[in-house]
Amino acid sequence: MSDILEFADRFFNAVEGGDIDAVAGFYRDDVTVWHNFDNLDQSRHDNLATLAGISGRYDAFAYVDVRHTAVEDGFLRQHVIKATVGKKTVNVPAVLRVYVEGGQIHRIEEYFDRGQLDVVFS
């Protein structure tokens, strides 16, 4: 089980660091990423584009208060998204259920309040 937690750390370090090529290596070609705020499944291509745009949307972006829990077919991830634009900073709690098969992610279900994150743009 510790292998999956190391996998989780490497994956989210790549996301937070903006290493989209590394993130892509964690994903199966048919990965889907679902978000609670729009109830839609995002494709691999669209999710990688979203993640690649983080550095252009925020002056600072980080995951803090990180916790992982291994489960039979992947892991749970809890963190707080800390994002800053100009003088506005928000801290948005998030939970992700990540499904891993054959050493690659095939589905992510992400839960957070998008409205809290949008506060930095108002």
PDB file of N, CA and C in Angstrom:
ATOM      1  N   MET A   1       0.809  -1.203   0.000  1.00  0.00           N
ATOM      2  CA  MET A   1       0.000   0.000   0.000  1.00  0.00           C
ATOM      3  C   MET A   1       0.852   1.267   0.000  1.00  0.00           C
ATOM      4  N   SER A   2       2.049   1.232   0.569  1.00  0.00           N
ATOM      5  CA  SER A   2       2.876   2.439   0.578  1.00  0.00           C
ATOM      6  C   SER A   2       3.287   2.822  -0.842  1.00  0.00           C
ATOM      7  N   ASP A   3       3.359   1.855  -1.764  1.00  0.00           N
ATOM      8  CA  ASP A   3       3.685   2.171  -3.154  1.00  0.00           C
ATOM      9  C   ASP A   3       2.653   3.113  -3.755  1.00  0.00           C
ATOM     10  N   ILE A   4       1.375   2.875  -3.465  1.00  0.00           N
ATOM     11  CA  ILE A   4       0.328   3.725  -4.021  1.00  0.00           C
ATOM     12  C   ILE A   4       0.392   5.136  -3.427  1.00  0.00           C
ATOM     13  N   LEU A   5       0.807   5.246  -2.172  1.00  0.00           N
ATOM     14  CA  LEU A   5       0.932   6.569  -1.566  1.00  0.00           C
ATOM     15  C   LEU A   5       2.129   7.324  -2.149  1.00  0.00           C
ATOM     16  N   GLU A   6       3.199   6.602  -2.465  1.00  0.00           N
ATOM     17  CA  GLU A   6       4.336   7.225  -3.150  1.00  0.00           C
ATOM     18  C   GLU A   6       3.932   7.662  -4.559  1.00  0.00           C
ATOM     19  N   PHE A   7       3.144   6.820  -5.227  1.00  0.00           N
ATOM     20  CA  PHE A   7       2.591   7.148  -6.544  1.00  0.00           C
ATOM     21  C   PHE A   7       1.783   8.445  -6.445  1.00  0.00           C
ATOM     22  N   ALA A   8       0.921   8.537  -5.421  1.00  0.00           N
ATOM     23  CA  ALA A   8       0.091   9.725  -5.211  1.00  0.00           C
ATOM     24  C   ALA A   8       0.954  10.968  -5.024  1.00  0.00           C
ATOM     25  N   ASP A   9       1.990  10.864  -4.212  1.00  0.00           N
ATOM     26  CA  ASP A   9       2.892  12.002  -3.993  1.00  0.00           C
ATOM     27  C   ASP A   9       3.557  12.439  -5.299  1.00  0.00           C
ATOM     28  N   ARG A  10       4.063  11.482  -6.069  1.00  0.00           N
ATOM     29  CA  ARG A  10       4.735  11.822  -7.330  1.00  0.00           C
ATOM     30  C   ARG A  10       3.765  12.493  -8.304  1.00  0.00           C
ATOM     31  N   PHE A  11       2.553  11.951  -8.376  1.00  0.00           N
ATOM     32  CA  PHE A  11       1.556  12.510  -9.286  1.00  0.00           C
ATOM     33  C   PHE A  11       1.231  13.963  -8.916  1.00  0.00           C
ATOM     34  N   PHE A  12       0.896  14.201  -7.655  1.00  0.00           N
ATOM     35  CA  PHE A  12       0.508  15.555  -7.268  1.00  0.00           C
ATOM     36  C   PHE A  12       1.684  16.520  -7.244  1.00  0.00           C
ATOM     37  N   ASN A  13       2.888  16.037  -7.016  1.00  0.00           N
ATOM     38  CA  ASN A  13       4.065  16.907  -7.146  1.00  0.00           C
ATOM     39  C   ASN A  13       4.213  17.371  -8.593  1.00  0.00           C
ATOM     40  N   ALA A  14       3.945  16.474  -9.547  1.00  0.00           N
ATOM     41  CA  ALA A  14       4.013  16.845 -10.960  1.00  0.00           C
ATOM     42  C   ALA A  14       2.924  17.862 -11.299  1.00  0.00           C
ATOM     43  N   VAL A  15       1.708  17.645 -10.784  1.00  0.00           N
ATOM     44  CA  VAL A  15       0.615  18.597 -11.024  1.00  0.00           C
ATOM     45  C   VAL A  15       0.980  19.965 -10.456  1.00  0.00           C
ATOM     46  N   GLU A  16       1.353  20.000  -9.196  1.00  0.00           N
ATOM     47  CA  GLU A  16       1.656  21.272  -8.535  1.00  0.00           C
ATOM     48  C   GLU A  16       2.852  21.964  -9.179  1.00  0.00           C
ATOM     49  N   GLY A  17       3.810  21.178  -9.649  1.00  0.00           N
ATOM     50  CA  GLY A  17       4.999  21.740 -10.279  1.00  0.00           C
ATOM     51  C   GLY A  17       4.801  22.135 -11.736  1.00  0.00           C
ATOM     52  N   GLY A  18       3.620  21.861 -12.290  1.00  0.00           N
ATOM     53  CA  GLY A  18       3.344  22.230 -13.673  1.00  0.00           C
ATOM     54  C   GLY A  18       4.034  21.357 -14.704  1.00  0.00           C
ATOM     55  N   ASP A  19       4.475  20.156 -14.298  1.00  0.00           N
ATOM     56  CA  ASP A  19       5.147  19.239 -15.220  1.00  0.00           C
ATOM     57  C   ASP A  19       4.093  18.389 -15.940  1.00  0.00           C
ATOM     58  N   ILE A  20       3.497  18.964 -16.971  1.00  0.00           N
ATOM     59  CA  ILE A  20       2.375  18.337 -17.657  1.00  0.00           C
ATOM     60  C   ILE A  20       2.799  17.064 -18.386  1.00  0.00           C
ATOM     61  N   ASP A  21       4.014  17.005 -18.886  1.00  0.00           N
ATOM     62  CA  ASP A  21       4.491  15.771 -19.514  1.00  0.00           C
ATOM     63  C   ASP A  21       4.532  14.635 -18.497  1.00  0.00           C
ATOM     64  N   ALA A  22       4.984  14.936 -17.297  1.00  0.00           N
ATOM     65  CA  ALA A  22       5.003  13.910 -16.246  1.00  0.00           C
ATOM     66  C   ALA A  22       3.585  13.511 -15.862  1.00  0.00           C
ATOM     67  N   VAL A  23       2.688  14.489 -15.726  1.00  0.00           N
ATOM     68  CA  VAL A  23       1.290  14.186 -15.404  1.00  0.00           C
ATOM     69  C   VAL A  23       0.711  13.263 -16.460  1.00  0.00           C
ATOM     70  N   ALA A  24       0.949  13.563 -17.724  1.00  0.00           N
ATOM     71  CA  ALA A  24       0.428  12.748 -18.820  1.00  0.00           C
ATOM     72  C   ALA A  24       0.891  11.300 -18.707  1.00  0.00           C
ATOM     73  N   GLY A  25       2.098  11.090 -18.205  1.00  0.00           N
ATOM     74  CA  GLY A  25       2.620   9.738 -18.040  1.00  0.00           C
ATOM     75  C   GLY A  25       1.885   8.933 -16.972  1.00  0.00           C
ATOM     76  N   PHE A  26       1.228   9.609 -16.052  1.00  0.00           N
ATOM     77  CA  PHE A  26       0.449   8.928 -15.015  1.00  0.00           C
ATOM     78  C   PHE A  26      -0.920   8.491 -15.530  1.00  0.00           C
ATOM     79  N   TYR A  27      -1.387   9.116 -16.619  1.00  0.00           N
ATOM     80  CA  TYR A  27      -2.740   8.902 -17.123  1.00  0.00           C
ATOM     81  C   TYR A  27      -2.794   7.809 -18.185  1.00  0.00           C
ATOM     82  N   ARG A  28      -3.833   6.990 -18.110  1.00  0.00           N
ATOM     83  CA  ARG A  28      -4.150   6.123 -19.244  1.00  0.00           C
ATOM     84  C   ARG A  28      -4.699   7.017 -20.353  1.00  0.00           C
ATOM     85  N   ASP A  29      -4.657   6.518 -21.568  1.00  0.00           N
ATOM     86  CA  ASP A  29      -5.184   7.296 -22.695  1.00  0.00           C
ATOM     87  C   ASP A  29      -6.664   7.597 -22.535  1.00  0.00           C
ATOM     88  N   ASP A  30      -7.399   6.698 -21.871  1.00  0.00           N
ATOM     89  CA  ASP A  30      -8.845   6.866 -21.727  1.00  0.00           C
ATOM     90  C   ASP A  30      -9.259   7.407 -20.362  1.00  0.00           C
ATOM     91  N   VAL A  31      -8.344   8.055 -19.651  1.00  0.00           N
ATOM     92  CA  VAL A  31      -8.653   8.603 -18.328  1.00  0.00           C
ATOM     93  C   VAL A  31      -9.813   9.598 -18.426  1.00  0.00           C
ATOM     94  N   THR A  32     -10.631   9.616 -17.385  1.00  0.00           N
ATOM     95  CA  THR A  32     -11.660  10.635 -17.263  1.00  0.00           C
ATOM     96  C   THR A  32     -11.500  11.317 -15.906  1.00  0.00           C
ATOM     97  N   VAL A  33     -11.758  12.611 -15.897  1.00  0.00           N
ATOM     98  CA  VAL A  33     -11.667  13.390 -14.668  1.00  0.00           C
ATOM     99  C   VAL A  33     -13.013  14.091 -14.490  1.00  0.00           C
ATOM    100  N   TRP A  34     -13.710  13.713 -13.436  1.00  0.00           N
ATOM    101  CA  TRP A  34     -15.028  14.250 -13.140  1.00  0.00           C
ATOM    102  C   TRP A  34     -14.917  15.270 -12.021  1.00  0.00           C
ATOM    103  N   HIS A  35     -15.681  16.368 -12.143  1.00  0.00           N
ATOM    104  CA  HIS A  35     -15.719  17.397 -11.106  1.00  0.00           C
ATOM    105  C   HIS A  35     -17.151  17.549 -10.609  1.00  0.00           C
ATOM    106  N   ASN A  36     -17.309  17.687  -9.318  1.00  0.00           N
ATOM    107  CA  ASN A  36     -18.650  17.842  -8.754  1.00  0.00           C
ATOM    108  C   ASN A  36     -19.327  19.140  -9.181  1.00  0.00           C
ATOM    109  N   PHE A  37     -18.561  20.191  -9.460  1.00  0.00           N
ATOM    110  CA  PHE A  37     -19.158  21.494  -9.723  1.00  0.00           C
ATOM    111  C   PHE A  37     -19.830  21.589 -11.092  1.00  0.00           C
ATOM    112  N   ASP A  38     -19.489  20.696 -12.032  1.00  0.00           N
ATOM    113  CA  ASP A  38     -20.168  20.715 -13.331  1.00  0.00           C
ATOM    114  C   ASP A  38     -20.756  19.359 -13.719  1.00  0.00           C
ATOM    115  N   ASN A  39     -20.444  18.329 -12.941  1.00  0.00           N
ATOM    116  CA  ASN A  39     -20.972  16.975 -13.157  1.00  0.00           C
ATOM    117  C   ASN A  39     -20.655  16.450 -14.561  1.00  0.00           C
ATOM    118  N   LEU A  40     -19.479  16.812 -15.072  1.00  0.00           N
ATOM    119  CA  LEU A  40     -19.057  16.357 -16.390  1.00  0.00           C
ATOM    120  C   LEU A  40     -17.755  15.583 -16.279  1.00  0.00           C
ATOM    121  N   ASP A  41     -17.565  14.638 -17.196  1.00  0.00           N
ATOM    122  CA  ASP A  41     -16.296  13.926 -17.309  1.00  0.00           C
ATOM    123  C   ASP A  41     -15.400  14.671 -18.286  1.00  0.00           C
ATOM    124  N   GLN A  42     -14.210  14.983 -17.832  1.00  0.00           N
ATOM    125  CA  GLN A  42     -13.235  15.682 -18.660  1.00  0.00           C
ATOM    126  C   GLN A  42     -12.306  14.638 -19.285  1.00  0.00           C
ATOM    127  N   SER A  43     -11.971  14.803 -20.547  1.00  0.00           N
ATOM    128  CA  SER A  43     -11.061  13.883 -21.232  1.00  0.00           C
ATOM    129  C   SER A  43      -9.618  14.126 -20.789  1.00  0.00           C
ATOM    130  N   ARG A  44      -8.771  13.212 -21.149  1.00  0.00           N
ATOM    131  CA  ARG A  44      -7.334  13.344 -20.862  1.00  0.00           C
ATOM    132  C   ARG A  44      -6.809  14.663 -21.437  1.00  0.00           C
ATOM    133  N   HIS A  45      -7.086  14.897 -22.708  1.00  0.00           N
ATOM    134  CA  HIS A  45      -6.608  16.097 -23.392  1.00  0.00           C
ATOM    135  C   HIS A  45      -7.083  17.365 -22.685  1.00  0.00           C
ATOM    136  N   ASP A  46      -8.379  17.410 -22.366  1.00  0.00           N
ATOM    137  CA  ASP A  46      -8.936  18.606 -21.728  1.00  0.00           C
ATOM    138  C   ASP A  46      -8.391  18.807 -20.318  1.00  0.00           C
ATOM    139  N   ASN A  47      -8.210  17.716 -19.577  1.00  0.00           N
ATOM    140  CA  ASN A  47      -7.686  17.856 -18.222  1.00  0.00           C
ATOM    141  C   ASN A  47      -6.240  18.324 -18.237  1.00  0.00           C
ATOM    142  N   LEU A  48      -5.442  17.788 -19.145  1.00  0.00           N
ATOM    143  CA  LEU A  48      -4.046  18.234 -19.228  1.00  0.00           C
ATOM    144  C   LEU A  48      -3.975  19.712 -19.597  1.00  0.00           C
ATOM    145  N   ALA A  49      -4.878  20.162 -20.463  1.00  0.00           N
ATOM    146  CA  ALA A  49      -4.915  21.585 -20.822  1.00  0.00           C
ATOM    147  C   ALA A  49      -5.301  22.436 -19.611  1.00  0.00           C
ATOM    148  N   THR A  50      -6.265  21.960 -18.832  1.00  0.00           N
ATOM    149  CA  THR A  50      -6.670  22.675 -17.615  1.00  0.00           C
ATOM    150  C   THR A  50      -5.495  22.796 -16.654  1.00  0.00           C
ATOM    151  N   LEU A  51      -4.812  21.692 -16.429  1.00  0.00           N
ATOM    152  CA  LEU A  51      -3.681  21.698 -15.503  1.00  0.00           C
ATOM    153  C   LEU A  51      -2.539  22.566 -16.022  1.00  0.00           C
ATOM    154  N   ALA A  52      -2.308  22.555 -17.325  1.00  0.00           N
ATOM    155  CA  ALA A  52      -1.240  23.375 -17.914  1.00  0.00           C
ATOM    156  C   ALA A  52      -1.521  24.861 -17.738  1.00  0.00           C
ATOM    157  N   GLY A  53      -2.791  25.233 -17.621  1.00  0.00           N
ATOM    158  CA  GLY A  53      -3.154  26.640 -17.492  1.00  0.00           C
ATOM    159  C   GLY A  53      -3.080  27.193 -16.090  1.00  0.00           C
ATOM    160  N   ILE A  54      -2.812  26.355 -15.098  1.00  0.00           N
ATOM    161  CA  ILE A  54      -2.788  26.828 -13.708  1.00  0.00           C
ATOM    162  C   ILE A  54      -1.789  27.963 -13.512  1.00  0.00           C
ATOM    163  N   SER A  55      -0.590  27.805 -14.043  1.00  0.00           N
ATOM    164  CA  SER A  55       0.446  28.820 -13.800  1.00  0.00           C
ATOM    165  C   SER A  55       0.081  30.161 -14.420  1.00  0.00           C
ATOM    166  N   GLY A  56      -0.724  30.178 -15.462  1.00  0.00           N
ATOM    167  CA  GLY A  56      -1.143  31.431 -16.075  1.00  0.00           C
ATOM    168  C   GLY A  56      -2.343  32.079 -15.404  1.00  0.00           C
ATOM    169  N   ARG A  57      -3.076  31.297 -14.618  1.00  0.00           N
ATOM    170  CA  ARG A  57      -4.276  31.833 -13.955  1.00  0.00           C
ATOM    171  C   ARG A  57      -3.998  32.400 -12.569  1.00  0.00           C
ATOM    172  N   TYR A  58      -2.970  31.902 -11.915  1.00  0.00           N
ATOM    173  CA  TYR A  58      -2.722  32.271 -10.520  1.00  0.00           C
ATOM    174  C   TYR A  58      -1.302  32.805 -10.363  1.00  0.00           C
ATOM    175  N   ASP A  59      -1.160  33.763  -9.448  1.00  0.00           N
ATOM    176  CA  ASP A  59       0.176  34.250  -9.115  1.00  0.00           C
ATOM    177  C   ASP A  59       0.911  33.225  -8.252  1.00  0.00           C
ATOM    178  N   ALA A  60       0.154  32.512  -7.428  1.00  0.00           N
ATOM    179  CA  ALA A  60       0.719  31.433  -6.601  1.00  0.00           C
ATOM    180  C   ALA A  60      -0.349  30.354  -6.475  1.00  0.00           C
ATOM    181  N   PHE A  61       0.085  29.115  -6.473  1.00  0.00           N
ATOM    182  CA  PHE A  61      -0.829  27.982  -6.392  1.00  0.00           C
ATOM    183  C   PHE A  61      -0.098  26.849  -5.682  1.00  0.00           C
ATOM    184  N   ALA A  62      -0.756  26.271  -4.679  1.00  0.00           N
ATOM    185  CA  ALA A  62      -0.134  25.169  -3.949  1.00  0.00           C
ATOM    186  C   ALA A  62      -1.207  24.297  -3.319  1.00  0.00           C
ATOM    187  N   TYR A  63      -0.808  23.078  -3.004  1.00  0.00           N
ATOM    188  CA  TYR A  63      -1.645  22.178  -2.218  1.00  0.00           C
ATOM    189  C   TYR A  63      -1.044  22.114  -0.821  1.00  0.00           C
ATOM    190  N   VAL A  64      -1.861  22.375   0.192  1.00  0.00           N
ATOM    191  CA  VAL A  64      -1.400  22.318   1.581  1.00  0.00           C
ATOM    192  C   VAL A  64      -2.307  21.374   2.360  1.00  0.00           C
ATOM    193  N   ASP A  65      -1.873  21.036   3.573  1.00  0.00           N
ATOM    194  CA  ASP A  65      -2.628  20.129   4.445  1.00  0.00           C
ATOM    195  C   ASP A  65      -2.996  18.837   3.713  1.00  0.00           C
ATOM    196  N   VAL A  66      -2.009  18.222   3.100  1.00  0.00           N
ATOM    197  CA  VAL A  66      -2.204  17.034   2.254  1.00  0.00           C
ATOM    198  C   VAL A  66      -2.328  15.774   3.091  1.00  0.00           C
ATOM    199  N   ARG A  67      -3.329  14.974   2.741  1.00  0.00           N
ATOM    200  CA  ARG A  67      -3.508  13.653   3.347  1.00  0.00           C
ATOM    201  C   ARG A  67      -3.878  12.659   2.262  1.00  0.00           C
ATOM    202  N   HIS A  68      -3.265  11.486   2.327  1.00  0.00           N
ATOM    203  CA  HIS A  68      -3.576  10.403   1.397  1.00  0.00           C
ATOM    204  C   HIS A  68      -4.046   9.195   2.180  1.00  0.00           C
ATOM    205  N   THR A  69      -4.964   8.453   1.592  1.00  0.00           N
ATOM    206  CA  THR A  69      -5.400   7.184   2.152  1.00  0.00           C
ATOM    207  C   THR A  69      -5.443   6.174   1.017  1.00  0.00           C
ATOM    208  N   ALA A  70      -4.736   5.080   1.186  1.00  0.00           N
ATOM    209  CA  ALA A  70      -4.750   4.020   0.182  1.00  0.00           C
ATOM    210  C   ALA A  70      -6.064   3.254   0.268  1.00  0.00           C
ATOM    211  N   VAL A  71      -6.619   2.932  -0.880  1.00  0.00           N
ATOM    212  CA  VAL A  71      -7.787   2.066  -0.978  1.00  0.00           C
ATOM    213  C   VAL A  71      -7.463   0.975  -1.999  1.00  0.00           C
ATOM    214  N   GLU A  72      -8.312  -0.022  -2.057  1.00  0.00           N
ATOM    215  CA  GLU A  72      -8.017  -1.208  -2.855  1.00  0.00           C
ATOM    216  C   GLU A  72      -7.618  -0.908  -4.299  1.00  0.00           C
ATOM    217  N   ASP A  73      -8.284   0.030  -4.934  1.00  0.00           N
ATOM    218  CA  ASP A  73      -8.029   0.289  -6.355  1.00  0.00           C
ATOM    219  C   ASP A  73      -7.536   1.716  -6.612  1.00  0.00           C
ATOM    220  N   GLY A  74      -6.795   2.269  -5.656  1.00  0.00           N
ATOM    221  CA  GLY A  74      -6.256   3.608  -5.843  1.00  0.00           C
ATOM    222  C   GLY A  74      -6.027   4.314  -4.527  1.00  0.00           C
ATOM    223  N   PHE A  75      -6.449   5.562  -4.454  1.00  0.00           N
ATOM    224  CA  PHE A  75      -6.241   6.319  -3.221  1.00  0.00           C
ATOM    225  C   PHE A  75      -7.235   7.464  -3.122  1.00  0.00           C
ATOM    226  N   LEU A  76      -7.389   7.953  -1.900  1.00  0.00           N
ATOM    227  CA  LEU A  76      -8.130   9.174  -1.619  1.00  0.00           C
ATOM    228  C   LEU A  76      -7.111  10.260  -1.321  1.00  0.00           C
ATOM    229  N   ARG A  77      -7.386  11.434  -1.771  1.00  0.00           N
ATOM    230  CA  ARG A  77      -6.493  12.565  -1.534  1.00  0.00           C
ATOM    231  C   ARG A  77      -7.329  13.701  -0.968  1.00  0.00           C
ATOM    232  N   GLN A  78      -6.895  14.240   0.149  1.00  0.00           N
ATOM    233  CA  GLN A  78      -7.493  15.445   0.705  1.00  0.00           C
ATOM    234  C   GLN A  78      -6.403  16.500   0.738  1.00  0.00           C
ATOM    235  N   HIS A  79      -6.750  17.690   0.327  1.00  0.00           N
ATOM    236  CA  HIS A  79      -5.815  18.806   0.408  1.00  0.00           C
ATOM    237  C   HIS A  79      -6.597  20.109   0.425  1.00  0.00           C
ATOM    238  N   VAL A  80      -5.886  21.173   0.672  1.00  0.00           N
ATOM    239  CA  VAL A  80      -6.451  22.506   0.569  1.00  0.00           C
ATOM    240  C   VAL A  80      -5.721  23.191  -0.581  1.00  0.00           C
ATOM    241  N   ILE A  81      -6.507  23.704  -1.528  1.00  0.00           N
ATOM    242  CA  ILE A  81      -5.938  24.459  -2.640  1.00  0.00           C
ATOM    243  C   ILE A  81      -5.706  25.880  -2.136  1.00  0.00           C
ATOM    244  N   LYS A  82      -4.470  26.311  -2.189  1.00  0.00           N
ATOM    245  CA  LYS A  82      -4.135  27.685  -1.798  1.00  0.00           C
ATOM    246  C   LYS A  82      -3.761  28.425  -3.075  1.00  0.00           C
ATOM    247  N   ALA A  83      -4.605  29.387  -3.456  1.00  0.00           N
ATOM    248  CA  ALA A  83      -4.408  30.102  -4.716  1.00  0.00           C
ATOM    249  C   ALA A  83      -4.443  31.602  -4.481  1.00  0.00           C
ATOM    250  N   THR A  84      -3.547  32.298  -5.173  1.00  0.00           N
ATOM    251  CA  THR A  84      -3.444  33.746  -5.027  1.00  0.00           C
ATOM    252  C   THR A  84      -3.460  34.412  -6.395  1.00  0.00           C
ATOM    253  N   VAL A  85      -4.249  35.470  -6.489  1.00  0.00           N
ATOM    254  CA  VAL A  85      -4.233  36.376  -7.637  1.00  0.00           C
ATOM    255  C   VAL A  85      -4.195  37.777  -7.054  1.00  0.00           C
ATOM    256  N   GLY A  86      -3.141  38.508  -7.382  1.00  0.00           N
ATOM    257  CA  GLY A  86      -2.983  39.851  -6.816  1.00  0.00           C
ATOM    258  C   GLY A  86      -2.901  39.774  -5.305  1.00  0.00           C
ATOM    259  N   LYS A  87      -3.781  40.526  -4.633  1.00  0.00           N
ATOM    260  CA  LYS A  87      -3.774  40.539  -3.172  1.00  0.00           C
ATOM    261  C   LYS A  87      -4.790  39.585  -2.566  1.00  0.00           C
ATOM    262  N   LYS A  88      -5.482  38.812  -3.405  1.00  0.00           N
ATOM    263  CA  LYS A  88      -6.502  37.886  -2.907  1.00  0.00           C
ATOM    264  C   LYS A  88      -5.957  36.463  -2.862  1.00  0.00           C
ATOM    265  N   THR A  89      -6.124  35.828  -1.710  1.00  0.00           N
ATOM    266  CA  THR A  89      -5.737  34.431  -1.535  1.00  0.00           C
ATOM    267  C   THR A  89      -6.927  33.673  -0.974  1.00  0.00           C
ATOM    268  N   VAL A  90      -7.142  32.480  -1.494  1.00  0.00           N
ATOM    269  CA  VAL A  90      -8.199  31.607  -0.987  1.00  0.00           C
ATOM    270  C   VAL A  90      -7.591  30.277  -0.578  1.00  0.00           C
ATOM    271  N   ASN A  91      -8.280  29.617   0.336  1.00  0.00           N
ATOM    272  CA  ASN A  91      -7.926  28.263   0.781  1.00  0.00           C
ATOM    273  C   ASN A  91      -9.178  27.409   0.610  1.00  0.00           C
ATOM    274  N   VAL A  92      -9.140  26.500  -0.355  1.00  0.00           N
ATOM    275  CA  VAL A  92     -10.314  25.731  -0.735  1.00  0.00           C
ATOM    276  C   VAL A  92     -10.082  24.239  -0.456  1.00  0.00           C
ATOM    277  N   PRO A  93     -10.825  23.669   0.496  1.00  0.00           N
ATOM    278  CA  PRO A  93     -10.697  22.231   0.766  1.00  0.00           C
ATOM    279  C   PRO A  93     -11.170  21.419  -0.440  1.00  0.00           C
ATOM    280  N   ALA A  94     -10.470  20.326  -0.706  1.00  0.00           N
ATOM    281  CA  ALA A  94     -10.825  19.443  -1.820  1.00  0.00           C
ATOM    282  C   ALA A  94     -10.588  17.987  -1.427  1.00  0.00           C
ATOM    283  N   VAL A  95     -11.374  17.115  -2.035  1.00  0.00           N
ATOM    284  CA  VAL A  95     -11.217  15.673  -1.869  1.00  0.00           C
ATOM    285  C   VAL A  95     -11.228  15.055  -3.259  1.00  0.00           C
ATOM    286  N   LEU A  96     -10.301  14.146  -3.506  1.00  0.00           N
ATOM    287  CA  LEU A  96     -10.248  13.447  -4.780  1.00  0.00           C
ATOM    288  C   LEU A  96     -10.215  11.940  -4.549  1.00  0.00           C
ATOM    289  N   ARG A  97     -10.973  11.241  -5.343  1.00  0.00           N
ATOM    290  CA  ARG A  97     -10.931   9.767  -5.369  1.00  0.00           C
ATOM    291  C   ARG A  97     -10.232   9.422  -6.667  1.00  0.00           C
ATOM    292  N   VAL A  98      -9.081   8.770  -6.563  1.00  0.00           N
ATOM    293  CA  VAL A  98      -8.261   8.464  -7.732  1.00  0.00           C
ATOM    294  C   VAL A  98      -8.211   6.949  -7.913  1.00  0.00           C
ATOM    295  N   TYR A  99      -8.601   6.500  -9.098  1.00  0.00           N
ATOM    296  CA  TYR A  99      -8.625   5.075  -9.439  1.00  0.00           C
ATOM    297  C   TYR A  99      -7.392   4.748 -10.273  1.00  0.00           C
ATOM    298  N   VAL A 100      -6.640   3.747  -9.819  1.00  0.00           N
ATOM    299  CA  VAL A 100      -5.398   3.374 -10.480  1.00  0.00           C
ATOM    300  C   VAL A 100      -5.475   1.899 -10.867  1.00  0.00           C
ATOM    301  N   GLU A 101      -5.072   1.619 -12.092  1.00  0.00           N
ATOM    302  CA  GLU A 101      -5.041   0.245 -12.583  1.00  0.00           C
ATOM    303  C   GLU A 101      -3.815   0.073 -13.471  1.00  0.00           C
ATOM    304  N   GLY A 102      -3.041  -0.963 -13.225  1.00  0.00           N
ATOM    305  CA  GLY A 102      -1.867  -1.210 -14.043  1.00  0.00           C
ATOM    306  C   GLY A 102      -0.846  -0.091 -13.989  1.00  0.00           C
ATOM    307  N   GLY A 103      -0.769   0.593 -12.850  1.00  0.00           N
ATOM    308  CA  GLY A 103       0.216   1.652 -12.683  1.00  0.00           C
ATOM    309  C   GLY A 103      -0.144   2.974 -13.330  1.00  0.00           C
ATOM    310  N   GLN A 104      -1.413   3.104 -13.795  1.00  0.00           N
ATOM    311  CA  GLN A 104      -1.838   4.376 -14.384  1.00  0.00           C
ATOM    312  C   GLN A 104      -3.225   4.753 -13.869  1.00  0.00           C
ATOM    313  N   ILE A 105      -3.479   6.040 -13.863  1.00  0.00           N
ATOM    314  CA  ILE A 105      -4.767   6.559 -13.411  1.00  0.00           C
ATOM    315  C   ILE A 105      -5.783   6.420 -14.537  1.00  0.00           C
ATOM    316  N   HIS A 106      -6.940   5.832 -14.211  1.00  0.00           N
ATOM    317  CA  HIS A 106      -7.977   5.733 -15.237  1.00  0.00           C
ATOM    318  C   HIS A 106      -9.204   6.576 -14.915  1.00  0.00           C
ATOM    319  N   ARG A 107      -9.321   7.053 -13.669  1.00  0.00           N
ATOM    320  CA  ARG A 107     -10.430   7.944 -13.332  1.00  0.00           C
ATOM    321  C   ARG A 107     -10.087   8.745 -12.078  1.00  0.00           C
ATOM    322  N   ILE A 108     -10.501  10.019 -12.099  1.00  0.00           N
ATOM    323  CA  ILE A 108     -10.408  10.887 -10.923  1.00  0.00           C
ATOM    324  C   ILE A 108     -11.780  11.507 -10.718  1.00  0.00           C
ATOM    325  N   GLU A 109     -12.213  11.510  -9.471  1.00  0.00           N
ATOM    326  CA  GLU A 109     -13.438  12.204  -9.089  1.00  0.00           C
ATOM    327  C   GLU A 109     -13.031  13.274  -8.082  1.00  0.00           C
ATOM    328  N   GLU A 110     -13.251  14.541  -8.449  1.00  0.00           N
ATOM    329  CA  GLU A 110     -12.766  15.659  -7.642  1.00  0.00           C
ATOM    330  C   GLU A 110     -13.938  16.463  -7.089  1.00  0.00           C
ATOM    331  N   TYR A 111     -13.875  16.719  -5.784  1.00  0.00           N
ATOM    332  CA  TYR A 111     -14.929  17.442  -5.087  1.00  0.00           C
ATOM    333  C   TYR A 111     -14.350  18.688  -4.430  1.00  0.00           C
ATOM    334  N   PHE A 112     -14.821  19.872  -4.854  1.00  0.00           N
ATOM    335  CA  PHE A 112     -14.473  21.121  -4.182  1.00  0.00           C
ATOM    336  C   PHE A 112     -15.475  22.183  -4.596  1.00  0.00           C
ATOM    337  N   ASP A 113     -15.499  23.283  -3.850  1.00  0.00           N
ATOM    338  CA  ASP A 113     -16.418  24.370  -4.116  1.00  0.00           C
ATOM    339  C   ASP A 113     -15.756  25.353  -5.079  1.00  0.00           C
ATOM    340  N   ARG A 114     -16.116  25.258  -6.328  1.00  0.00           N
ATOM    341  CA  ARG A 114     -15.522  26.102  -7.371  1.00  0.00           C
ATOM    342  C   ARG A 114     -15.741  27.584  -7.072  1.00  0.00           C
ATOM    343  N   GLY A 115     -16.872  27.922  -6.478  1.00  0.00           N
ATOM    344  CA  GLY A 115     -17.167  29.307  -6.134  1.00  0.00           C
ATOM    345  C   GLY A 115     -16.131  29.910  -5.211  1.00  0.00           C
ATOM    346  N   GLN A 116     -15.616  29.105  -4.279  1.00  0.00           N
ATOM    347  CA  GLN A 116     -14.570  29.612  -3.381  1.00  0.00           C
ATOM    348  C   GLN A 116     -13.307  29.935  -4.162  1.00  0.00           C
ATOM    349  N   LEU A 117     -12.973  29.092  -5.131  1.00  0.00           N
ATOM    350  CA  LEU A 117     -11.762  29.315  -5.923  1.00  0.00           C
ATOM    351  C   LEU A 117     -11.914  30.547  -6.817  1.00  0.00           C
ATOM    352  N   ASP A 118     -13.118  30.766  -7.334  1.00  0.00           N
ATOM    353  CA  ASP A 118     -13.367  31.912  -8.217  1.00  0.00           C
ATOM    354  C   ASP A 118     -13.268  33.261  -7.511  1.00  0.00           C
ATOM    355  N   VAL A 119     -13.287  33.260  -6.187  1.00  0.00           N
ATOM    356  CA  VAL A 119     -13.220  34.513  -5.402  1.00  0.00           C
ATOM    357  C   VAL A 119     -11.962  35.329  -5.761  1.00  0.00           C
ATOM    358  N   VAL A 120     -10.882  34.659  -6.091  1.00  0.00           N
ATOM    359  CA  VAL A 120      -9.656  35.406  -6.386  1.00  0.00           C
ATOM    360  C   VAL A 120      -9.755  36.199  -7.688  1.00  0.00           C
ATOM    361  N   PHE A 121     -10.774  35.916  -8.505  1.00  0.00           N
ATOM    362  CA  PHE A 121     -10.927  36.625  -9.773  1.00  0.00           C
ATOM    363  C   PHE A 121     -11.963  37.739  -9.729  1.00  0.00           C
ATOM    364  N   SER A 122     -12.646  37.879  -8.585  1.00  0.00           N
ATOM    365  CA  SER A 122     -13.689  38.919  -8.510  1.00  0.00           C
ATOM    366  C   SER A 122     -13.165  40.241  -7.999  1.00  0.00           C
TER     367      SER A 122
END
